[in-house]
Amino acid sequence: DQLRSFISSVFSSLGAAVFGQDAMAPKVAVPQAR
């Protein structure tokens, strides 16, 4: 789904900006890490 892909991309960017480079690798582990 395009919308899902877009949201995933946005979350990836936000995650990388907020949590740093570490959030970029484990996308699924980002919400669980906090």
N, C-alpha and C. Protein backbone atom coordinates (compact mmCIF):
# COMPACT_ATOMS: atom_id res chain seq x y z
N ASP A 1 0.85 -1.21 0.00
CA ASP A 1 0.00 0.00 0.00
C ASP A 1 0.88 1.25 0.00
N GLN A 2 0.54 2.21 -0.82
CA GLN A 2 1.37 3.42 -0.93
C GLN A 2 1.31 4.25 0.34
N LEU A 3 0.12 4.38 0.92
CA LEU A 3 -0.03 5.17 2.14
C LEU A 3 0.81 4.57 3.26
N ARG A 4 0.76 3.27 3.37
CA ARG A 4 1.53 2.59 4.42
C ARG A 4 3.03 2.82 4.21
N SER A 5 3.45 2.75 2.97
CA SER A 5 4.86 2.96 2.65
C SER A 5 5.28 4.39 3.01
N PHE A 6 4.40 5.34 2.70
CA PHE A 6 4.70 6.74 3.01
C PHE A 6 4.81 6.93 4.52
N ILE A 7 3.87 6.38 5.27
CA ILE A 7 3.89 6.50 6.74
C ILE A 7 5.17 5.87 7.28
N SER A 8 5.53 4.73 6.74
CA SER A 8 6.75 4.05 7.20
C SER A 8 7.97 4.92 6.95
N SER A 9 7.98 5.57 5.79
CA SER A 9 9.11 6.44 5.46
C SER A 9 9.17 7.63 6.40
N VAL A 10 8.02 8.21 6.68
CA VAL A 10 7.96 9.37 7.58
C VAL A 10 8.42 8.96 8.98
N PHE A 11 7.93 7.83 9.45
CA PHE A 11 8.31 7.34 10.78
C PHE A 11 9.81 7.08 10.84
N SER A 12 10.33 6.57 9.75
CA SER A 12 11.77 6.30 9.70
C SER A 12 12.56 7.60 9.83
N SER A 13 12.11 8.61 9.11
CA SER A 13 12.80 9.90 9.16
C SER A 13 12.68 10.52 10.55
N LEU A 14 11.47 10.52 11.08
CA LEU A 14 11.25 11.09 12.41
C LEU A 14 12.05 10.31 13.45
N GLY A 15 12.00 9.00 13.34
CA GLY A 15 12.73 8.15 14.29
C GLY A 15 14.22 8.45 14.25
N ALA A 16 14.76 8.60 13.04
CA ALA A 16 16.18 8.87 12.90
C ALA A 16 16.52 10.24 13.49
N ALA A 17 15.60 11.18 13.36
CA ALA A 17 15.86 12.54 13.86
C ALA A 17 15.73 12.59 15.38
N VAL A 18 14.78 11.81 15.91
CA VAL A 18 14.52 11.85 17.36
C VAL A 18 15.45 10.91 18.12
N PHE A 19 15.52 9.67 17.65
CA PHE A 19 16.29 8.66 18.39
C PHE A 19 17.72 8.55 17.89
N GLY A 20 18.00 9.11 16.72
CA GLY A 20 19.34 9.03 16.18
C GLY A 20 19.48 7.90 15.17
N GLN A 21 20.70 7.62 14.79
CA GLN A 21 20.95 6.60 13.77
C GLN A 21 20.51 5.22 14.24
N ASP A 22 20.52 4.98 15.54
CA ASP A 22 20.16 3.66 16.06
C ASP A 22 18.73 3.29 15.67
N ALA A 23 17.85 4.28 15.58
CA ALA A 23 16.45 4.01 15.26
C ALA A 23 16.28 3.62 13.81
N MET A 24 17.28 3.97 12.97
CA MET A 24 17.16 3.71 11.55
C MET A 24 17.25 2.20 11.27
N ALA A 25 18.10 1.49 12.00
CA ALA A 25 18.28 0.06 11.74
C ALA A 25 17.06 -0.76 12.18
N PRO A 26 16.72 -0.75 13.47
CA PRO A 26 15.56 -1.55 13.94
C PRO A 26 14.27 -0.75 13.84
N LYS A 27 13.65 -0.75 12.68
CA LYS A 27 12.41 0.03 12.50
C LYS A 27 11.30 -0.49 13.41
N VAL A 28 11.21 -1.82 13.51
CA VAL A 28 10.13 -2.40 14.31
C VAL A 28 10.41 -2.23 15.80
N ALA A 29 11.69 -2.12 16.15
CA ALA A 29 12.07 -2.05 17.56
C ALA A 29 12.05 -0.61 18.07
N VAL A 30 11.79 0.35 17.18
CA VAL A 30 11.79 1.76 17.59
C VAL A 30 10.75 2.03 18.67
N PRO A 31 9.46 1.67 18.43
CA PRO A 31 8.44 1.96 19.45
C PRO A 31 8.64 1.14 20.72
N GLN A 32 9.22 -0.05 20.59
CA GLN A 32 9.41 -0.90 21.77
C GLN A 32 10.62 -0.46 22.59
N ALA A 33 11.55 0.22 21.94
CA ALA A 33 12.77 0.64 22.63
C ALA A 33 12.48 1.76 23.62
N ARG A 34 11.46 2.57 23.30
CA ARG A 34 11.16 3.70 24.18
C ARG A 34 10.40 3.25 25.40
